[in-house]
């Protein structure tokens, strides 16, 4: 029995178009393929009696949870510390634009209105520590 299983959401509509989405208020549902990915994962993870389940604030993570472990979706707790990186001015723009900007900047550079990679990694570390100390196990 696992202590923790970390799962990325299924493919989203923006993923299919290589568009960035780091703002949880922007509507970006799973694609048909993303829903299929989650349904396939449900065969394995959906059979586990999860003591706790966690999502980000993004609807695509909640949609993924509902497909992977529907019997546990009502237990889902939001953990904003694990939200996707806030890409600021690159929201809704092609990922290649953000990658080009990253190549010209350091990991602690902050895009206008967003957060740096260093800030995001620190936030993720705090989120994982929160789970380590507060998530009943097994946790999804």
N, C-alpha and C. Protein backbone atom coordinates (compact mmCIF):
# COMPACT_ATOMS: atom_id res chain seq x y z
N UNK A 1 0.85 -1.18 0.00
CA UNK A 1 0.00 0.00 0.00
C UNK A 1 0.90 1.24 0.00
N UNK A 2 0.64 2.18 -0.90
CA UNK A 2 1.47 3.38 -0.96
C UNK A 2 1.14 4.35 0.17
N UNK A 3 2.12 5.15 0.57
CA UNK A 3 1.86 6.26 1.50
C UNK A 3 1.26 7.43 0.72
N UNK A 4 1.93 7.75 -0.40
CA UNK A 4 1.50 8.86 -1.25
C UNK A 4 1.59 8.44 -2.70
N UNK A 5 0.64 8.91 -3.49
CA UNK A 5 0.73 8.79 -4.94
C UNK A 5 0.46 10.19 -5.50
N UNK A 6 1.42 10.68 -6.26
CA UNK A 6 1.27 11.99 -6.91
C UNK A 6 0.90 11.74 -8.36
N UNK A 7 -0.15 12.40 -8.81
CA UNK A 7 -0.65 12.22 -10.17
C UNK A 7 -0.81 13.59 -10.81
N UNK A 8 -0.31 13.71 -12.01
CA UNK A 8 -0.56 14.93 -12.76
C UNK A 8 -1.95 14.81 -13.38
N UNK A 9 -2.62 15.90 -13.54
CA UNK A 9 -3.94 15.88 -14.17
C UNK A 9 -3.84 15.30 -15.58
N UNK A 10 -4.97 14.87 -16.11
CA UNK A 10 -4.99 14.40 -17.49
C UNK A 10 -4.74 15.56 -18.45
N UNK A 11 -4.47 15.21 -19.69
CA UNK A 11 -4.22 16.24 -20.70
C UNK A 11 -5.38 17.23 -20.74
N UNK A 12 -5.05 18.51 -20.77
CA UNK A 12 -6.09 19.55 -20.83
C UNK A 12 -6.23 20.08 -22.26
N UNK A 13 -7.28 20.83 -22.47
CA UNK A 13 -7.49 21.46 -23.78
C UNK A 13 -6.31 22.37 -24.13
N UNK A 14 -5.79 23.12 -23.16
CA UNK A 14 -4.64 23.99 -23.42
C UNK A 14 -3.40 23.16 -23.75
N UNK A 15 -3.22 22.00 -23.09
CA UNK A 15 -2.07 21.14 -23.41
C UNK A 15 -2.08 20.77 -24.89
N UNK A 16 -3.25 20.49 -25.43
CA UNK A 16 -3.34 20.06 -26.84
C UNK A 16 -2.91 21.17 -27.79
N UNK A 17 -2.98 22.42 -27.30
CA UNK A 17 -2.64 23.58 -28.14
C UNK A 17 -1.31 24.21 -27.72
N UNK A 18 -0.60 23.57 -26.77
CA UNK A 18 0.67 24.09 -26.25
C UNK A 18 0.53 25.52 -25.71
N UNK A 19 -0.58 25.73 -25.00
CA UNK A 19 -0.88 27.03 -24.39
C UNK A 19 -0.68 26.92 -22.89
N UNK A 20 -0.09 27.95 -22.28
CA UNK A 20 0.15 27.96 -20.84
C UNK A 20 -1.10 28.33 -20.05
N UNK A 21 -1.23 27.72 -18.89
CA UNK A 21 -2.32 28.05 -17.98
C UNK A 21 -1.83 27.89 -16.55
N UNK A 22 -1.54 29.02 -15.91
CA UNK A 22 -1.11 29.02 -14.52
C UNK A 22 -2.06 29.78 -13.63
N UNK A 23 -3.24 30.09 -14.14
CA UNK A 23 -4.25 30.84 -13.39
C UNK A 23 -5.45 29.92 -13.17
N UNK A 24 -5.72 29.55 -11.91
CA UNK A 24 -6.82 28.61 -11.66
C UNK A 24 -8.21 29.14 -12.01
N UNK A 25 -8.34 30.46 -12.22
CA UNK A 25 -9.65 31.00 -12.57
C UNK A 25 -9.96 30.87 -14.06
N UNK A 26 -8.96 30.49 -14.87
CA UNK A 26 -9.15 30.34 -16.31
C UNK A 26 -9.72 28.94 -16.59
N UNK A 27 -10.82 28.91 -17.35
CA UNK A 27 -11.46 27.63 -17.69
C UNK A 27 -10.58 26.86 -18.67
N UNK A 28 -10.17 25.67 -18.27
CA UNK A 28 -9.31 24.82 -19.10
C UNK A 28 -9.59 23.36 -18.76
N UNK A 29 -10.66 22.81 -19.32
CA UNK A 29 -11.05 21.43 -18.98
C UNK A 29 -10.13 20.39 -19.61
N UNK A 30 -10.31 19.16 -19.19
CA UNK A 30 -9.58 18.06 -19.79
C UNK A 30 -10.02 17.86 -21.23
N UNK A 31 -9.10 17.41 -22.04
CA UNK A 31 -9.42 17.03 -23.42
C UNK A 31 -10.05 15.64 -23.39
N UNK A 32 -10.56 15.18 -24.52
CA UNK A 32 -11.08 13.82 -24.60
C UNK A 32 -9.98 12.82 -24.23
N UNK A 33 -8.77 13.07 -24.73
CA UNK A 33 -7.65 12.18 -24.42
C UNK A 33 -7.32 12.22 -22.93
N UNK A 34 -7.40 13.41 -22.33
CA UNK A 34 -7.15 13.54 -20.89
C UNK A 34 -8.15 12.76 -20.06
N UNK A 35 -9.41 12.79 -20.47
CA UNK A 35 -10.44 12.01 -19.76
C UNK A 35 -10.16 10.52 -19.91
N UNK A 36 -9.70 10.11 -21.09
CA UNK A 36 -9.35 8.70 -21.32
C UNK A 36 -8.16 8.31 -20.44
N UNK A 37 -7.16 9.18 -20.34
CA UNK A 37 -6.00 8.89 -19.49
C UNK A 37 -6.45 8.64 -18.05
N UNK A 38 -7.34 9.49 -17.55
CA UNK A 38 -7.82 9.34 -16.17
C UNK A 38 -8.62 8.07 -15.99
N UNK A 39 -9.47 7.76 -16.97
CA UNK A 39 -10.26 6.53 -16.89
C UNK A 39 -9.35 5.30 -16.85
N UNK A 40 -8.26 5.33 -17.61
CA UNK A 40 -7.32 4.21 -17.61
C UNK A 40 -6.62 4.09 -16.25
N UNK A 41 -6.28 5.22 -15.66
CA UNK A 41 -5.61 5.21 -14.36
C UNK A 41 -6.57 4.75 -13.26
N UNK A 42 -7.85 4.97 -13.45
CA UNK A 42 -8.85 4.56 -12.46
C UNK A 42 -8.83 3.06 -12.22
N UNK A 43 -8.46 2.30 -13.22
CA UNK A 43 -8.41 0.84 -13.07
C UNK A 43 -7.42 0.43 -11.97
N UNK A 44 -6.39 1.22 -11.77
CA UNK A 44 -5.40 0.93 -10.74
C UNK A 44 -5.65 1.73 -9.47
N UNK A 45 -5.72 3.05 -9.61
CA UNK A 45 -5.81 3.91 -8.43
C UNK A 45 -7.22 4.00 -7.85
N UNK A 46 -8.21 3.76 -8.68
CA UNK A 46 -9.59 3.85 -8.22
C UNK A 46 -9.99 2.73 -7.27
N UNK A 47 -9.19 1.69 -7.19
CA UNK A 47 -9.50 0.56 -6.32
C UNK A 47 -8.93 0.72 -4.91
N UNK A 48 -8.11 1.73 -4.70
CA UNK A 48 -7.47 1.95 -3.40
C UNK A 48 -8.40 2.73 -2.49
N UNK A 49 -8.47 2.35 -1.22
CA UNK A 49 -9.24 3.11 -0.23
C UNK A 49 -8.37 4.24 0.29
N UNK A 50 -8.49 5.39 -0.34
CA UNK A 50 -7.68 6.56 0.02
C UNK A 50 -8.14 7.14 1.34
N UNK A 51 -7.21 7.44 2.23
CA UNK A 51 -7.53 8.11 3.49
C UNK A 51 -7.70 9.61 3.27
N UNK A 52 -6.99 10.14 2.25
CA UNK A 52 -7.15 11.56 1.90
C UNK A 52 -6.82 11.73 0.43
N UNK A 53 -7.49 12.69 -0.19
CA UNK A 53 -7.23 13.04 -1.58
C UNK A 53 -7.09 14.55 -1.68
N UNK A 54 -6.19 15.00 -2.53
CA UNK A 54 -5.82 16.40 -2.62
C UNK A 54 -5.81 16.85 -4.06
N UNK A 55 -6.19 18.09 -4.29
CA UNK A 55 -6.13 18.68 -5.63
C UNK A 55 -5.53 20.08 -5.51
N UNK A 56 -5.22 20.64 -6.66
CA UNK A 56 -4.88 22.06 -6.71
C UNK A 56 -6.20 22.82 -6.82
N UNK A 57 -6.11 24.12 -7.05
CA UNK A 57 -7.33 24.92 -7.25
C UNK A 57 -7.83 24.83 -8.68
N UNK A 58 -7.09 24.17 -9.55
CA UNK A 58 -7.45 24.09 -10.96
C UNK A 58 -8.55 23.06 -11.19
N UNK A 59 -9.55 23.44 -11.97
CA UNK A 59 -10.68 22.54 -12.26
C UNK A 59 -10.21 21.25 -12.91
N UNK A 60 -9.14 21.31 -13.70
CA UNK A 60 -8.67 20.10 -14.38
C UNK A 60 -8.18 19.04 -13.38
N UNK A 61 -7.68 19.47 -12.21
CA UNK A 61 -7.26 18.48 -11.23
C UNK A 61 -8.47 17.86 -10.53
N UNK A 62 -9.49 18.66 -10.31
CA UNK A 62 -10.71 18.12 -9.70
C UNK A 62 -11.43 17.18 -10.68
N UNK A 63 -11.43 17.55 -11.95
CA UNK A 63 -12.04 16.70 -12.98
C UNK A 63 -11.27 15.39 -13.08
N UNK A 64 -9.94 15.46 -13.00
CA UNK A 64 -9.12 14.24 -13.04
C UNK A 64 -9.43 13.35 -11.85
N UNK A 65 -9.51 13.93 -10.66
CA UNK A 65 -9.82 13.16 -9.45
C UNK A 65 -11.18 12.47 -9.59
N UNK A 66 -12.17 13.19 -10.09
CA UNK A 66 -13.51 12.62 -10.22
C UNK A 66 -13.53 11.43 -11.17
N UNK A 67 -12.62 11.40 -12.13
CA UNK A 67 -12.55 10.27 -13.06
C UNK A 67 -11.67 9.14 -12.54
N UNK A 68 -10.63 9.48 -11.79
CA UNK A 68 -9.69 8.48 -11.28
C UNK A 68 -10.25 7.75 -10.06
N UNK A 69 -10.83 8.51 -9.15
CA UNK A 69 -11.34 7.91 -7.90
C UNK A 69 -12.67 8.57 -7.54
N UNK A 70 -13.72 8.31 -8.33
CA UNK A 70 -15.00 9.01 -8.12
C UNK A 70 -15.58 8.80 -6.72
N UNK A 71 -15.34 7.65 -6.13
CA UNK A 71 -15.88 7.38 -4.80
C UNK A 71 -15.19 8.21 -3.72
N UNK A 72 -14.06 8.82 -4.05
CA UNK A 72 -13.32 9.63 -3.08
C UNK A 72 -13.31 11.12 -3.43
N UNK A 73 -13.88 11.49 -4.58
CA UNK A 73 -13.81 12.88 -5.04
C UNK A 73 -14.39 13.85 -4.01
N UNK A 74 -15.41 13.43 -3.29
CA UNK A 74 -16.02 14.32 -2.30
C UNK A 74 -15.08 14.63 -1.14
N UNK A 75 -14.03 13.83 -0.96
CA UNK A 75 -13.05 14.05 0.09
C UNK A 75 -11.95 15.03 -0.33
N UNK A 76 -11.94 15.39 -1.61
CA UNK A 76 -10.86 16.20 -2.16
C UNK A 76 -10.66 17.51 -1.41
N UNK A 77 -9.42 17.73 -1.00
CA UNK A 77 -9.05 18.97 -0.33
C UNK A 77 -8.12 19.74 -1.26
N UNK A 78 -8.34 21.04 -1.35
CA UNK A 78 -7.47 21.88 -2.18
C UNK A 78 -6.18 22.18 -1.44
N UNK A 79 -5.08 22.12 -2.17
CA UNK A 79 -3.79 22.51 -1.64
C UNK A 79 -3.14 23.46 -2.65
N UNK A 80 -3.43 24.77 -2.54
CA UNK A 80 -2.91 25.75 -3.49
C UNK A 80 -1.38 25.76 -3.59
N UNK A 81 -0.70 25.28 -2.56
CA UNK A 81 0.76 25.23 -2.61
C UNK A 81 1.27 24.35 -3.77
N UNK A 82 0.41 23.48 -4.29
CA UNK A 82 0.80 22.61 -5.41
C UNK A 82 0.24 23.07 -6.75
N UNK A 83 -0.37 24.28 -6.77
CA UNK A 83 -0.86 24.84 -8.04
C UNK A 83 0.26 24.92 -9.07
N UNK A 84 -0.12 24.93 -10.35
CA UNK A 84 0.86 25.15 -11.41
C UNK A 84 1.55 26.49 -11.21
N UNK A 85 2.71 26.64 -11.80
CA UNK A 85 3.45 27.89 -11.71
C UNK A 85 2.62 29.03 -12.30
N UNK A 86 2.64 30.16 -11.62
CA UNK A 86 1.96 31.36 -12.10
C UNK A 86 2.85 31.98 -13.17
N UNK A 87 2.44 31.91 -14.41
CA UNK A 87 3.26 32.38 -15.53
C UNK A 87 3.02 33.85 -15.86
N UNK A 88 2.14 34.50 -15.10
CA UNK A 88 1.94 35.95 -15.26
C UNK A 88 1.61 36.35 -16.68
N UNK A 89 2.45 37.22 -17.24
CA UNK A 89 2.20 37.79 -18.57
C UNK A 89 2.13 36.72 -19.68
N UNK A 90 2.58 35.49 -19.39
CA UNK A 90 2.55 34.43 -20.39
C UNK A 90 1.28 33.59 -20.34
N UNK A 91 0.37 33.93 -19.44
CA UNK A 91 -0.91 33.22 -19.34
C UNK A 91 -1.63 33.24 -20.69
N UNK A 92 -2.03 32.03 -21.13
CA UNK A 92 -2.79 31.90 -22.38
C UNK A 92 -1.94 32.02 -23.63
N UNK A 93 -0.62 32.12 -23.46
CA UNK A 93 0.27 32.26 -24.61
C UNK A 93 0.99 30.93 -24.87
N UNK A 94 1.57 30.78 -26.05
CA UNK A 94 2.28 29.54 -26.39
C UNK A 94 3.43 29.26 -25.43
N UNK A 95 3.59 28.00 -25.07
CA UNK A 95 4.63 27.60 -24.13
C UNK A 95 6.03 27.93 -24.65
N UNK A 96 6.21 27.93 -25.97
CA UNK A 96 7.51 28.24 -26.54
C UNK A 96 7.95 29.67 -26.22
N UNK A 97 6.99 30.60 -26.11
CA UNK A 97 7.33 31.98 -25.74
C UNK A 97 7.90 32.03 -24.32
N UNK A 98 7.27 31.29 -23.43
CA UNK A 98 7.74 31.24 -22.04
C UNK A 98 9.12 30.57 -21.97
N UNK A 99 9.30 29.48 -22.70
CA UNK A 99 10.60 28.78 -22.70
C UNK A 99 11.70 29.69 -23.25
N UNK A 100 11.41 30.46 -24.29
CA UNK A 100 12.40 31.39 -24.84
C UNK A 100 12.75 32.45 -23.80
N UNK A 101 11.76 32.97 -23.10
CA UNK A 101 12.00 33.96 -22.05
C UNK A 101 12.86 33.35 -20.95
N UNK A 102 12.55 32.11 -20.56
CA UNK A 102 13.31 31.42 -19.51
C UNK A 102 14.79 31.28 -19.88
N UNK A 103 15.06 30.98 -21.16
CA UNK A 103 16.45 30.82 -21.61
C UNK A 103 17.24 32.11 -21.47
N UNK A 104 16.55 33.24 -21.56
CA UNK A 104 17.23 34.54 -21.47
C UNK A 104 17.28 35.07 -20.04
N UNK A 105 16.69 34.34 -19.10
CA UNK A 105 16.59 34.82 -17.72
C UNK A 105 17.06 33.75 -16.75
N UNK A 106 17.30 34.17 -15.52
CA UNK A 106 17.75 33.24 -14.49
C UNK A 106 16.54 32.61 -13.80
N UNK A 107 16.75 31.50 -13.08
CA UNK A 107 15.63 30.84 -12.39
C UNK A 107 14.92 31.72 -11.36
N UNK A 108 15.57 32.78 -10.90
CA UNK A 108 14.91 33.66 -9.94
C UNK A 108 14.26 34.88 -10.60
N UNK A 109 14.29 34.94 -11.95
CA UNK A 109 13.61 36.02 -12.68
C UNK A 109 12.10 35.79 -12.62
N UNK A 110 11.37 36.88 -12.51
CA UNK A 110 9.91 36.80 -12.35
C UNK A 110 9.24 37.44 -13.57
N UNK A 111 8.42 36.67 -14.30
CA UNK A 111 7.68 37.30 -15.38
C UNK A 111 6.65 38.26 -14.79
N UNK A 112 6.36 39.32 -15.48
CA UNK A 112 5.41 40.32 -14.98
C UNK A 112 4.11 39.65 -14.55
N UNK A 113 3.75 39.86 -13.29
CA UNK A 113 2.51 39.31 -12.76
C UNK A 113 2.58 37.85 -12.36
N UNK A 114 3.76 37.24 -12.43
CA UNK A 114 3.88 35.82 -12.15
C UNK A 114 4.81 35.51 -10.99
N UNK A 115 5.42 34.34 -11.05
CA UNK A 115 6.38 33.94 -10.02
C UNK A 115 7.58 33.30 -10.70
N UNK A 116 8.71 33.34 -10.04
CA UNK A 116 9.92 32.74 -10.58
C UNK A 116 9.89 31.23 -10.40
N UNK A 117 10.78 30.55 -11.10
CA UNK A 117 10.91 29.11 -10.92
C UNK A 117 11.36 28.80 -9.50
N UNK A 118 12.25 29.62 -8.95
CA UNK A 118 12.71 29.42 -7.58
C UNK A 118 11.53 29.54 -6.61
N UNK A 119 10.69 30.55 -6.79
CA UNK A 119 9.52 30.71 -5.93
C UNK A 119 8.58 29.51 -6.05
N UNK A 120 8.38 29.03 -7.27
CA UNK A 120 7.49 27.89 -7.48
C UNK A 120 8.04 26.63 -6.80
N UNK A 121 9.33 26.39 -6.94
CA UNK A 121 9.94 25.20 -6.32
C UNK A 121 9.83 25.30 -4.79
N UNK A 122 10.06 26.48 -4.24
CA UNK A 122 9.92 26.65 -2.78
C UNK A 122 8.48 26.38 -2.35
N UNK A 123 7.53 26.87 -3.14
CA UNK A 123 6.11 26.64 -2.83
C UNK A 123 5.77 25.16 -2.89
N UNK A 124 6.27 24.47 -3.93
CA UNK A 124 6.03 23.03 -4.04
C UNK A 124 6.62 22.28 -2.85
N UNK A 125 7.81 22.68 -2.42
CA UNK A 125 8.44 22.03 -1.26
C UNK A 125 7.57 22.20 -0.02
N UNK A 126 7.02 23.40 0.18
CA UNK A 126 6.12 23.62 1.32
C UNK A 126 4.86 22.77 1.20
N UNK A 127 4.35 22.63 -0.03
CA UNK A 127 3.17 21.80 -0.25
C UNK A 127 3.42 20.34 0.07
N UNK A 128 4.56 19.83 -0.37
CA UNK A 128 4.90 18.44 -0.10
C UNK A 128 5.15 18.20 1.38
N UNK A 129 5.77 19.17 2.05
CA UNK A 129 5.95 19.06 3.50
C UNK A 129 4.61 19.07 4.22
N UNK A 130 3.67 19.89 3.73
CA UNK A 130 2.33 19.91 4.31
C UNK A 130 1.70 18.52 4.22
N UNK A 131 1.80 17.90 3.06
CA UNK A 131 1.24 16.56 2.90
C UNK A 131 1.93 15.57 3.82
N UNK A 132 3.24 15.65 3.89
CA UNK A 132 4.01 14.73 4.73
C UNK A 132 3.54 14.80 6.18
N UNK A 133 3.27 16.01 6.66
CA UNK A 133 2.92 16.20 8.07
C UNK A 133 1.43 16.14 8.37
N UNK A 134 0.58 16.34 7.36
CA UNK A 134 -0.86 16.48 7.64
C UNK A 134 -1.79 15.55 6.87
N UNK A 135 -1.30 14.85 5.86
CA UNK A 135 -2.18 14.04 5.03
C UNK A 135 -2.33 12.64 5.60
N UNK A 136 -3.55 12.25 5.96
CA UNK A 136 -3.75 10.84 6.34
C UNK A 136 -3.38 9.95 5.15
N UNK A 137 -2.81 8.81 5.45
CA UNK A 137 -2.32 7.91 4.41
C UNK A 137 -3.19 6.66 4.30
N UNK A 138 -3.30 6.13 3.12
CA UNK A 138 -2.68 6.54 1.89
C UNK A 138 -3.33 7.81 1.33
N UNK A 139 -2.49 8.64 0.72
CA UNK A 139 -2.94 9.93 0.19
C UNK A 139 -2.72 9.98 -1.30
N UNK A 140 -3.73 10.47 -2.00
CA UNK A 140 -3.65 10.66 -3.45
C UNK A 140 -3.65 12.15 -3.72
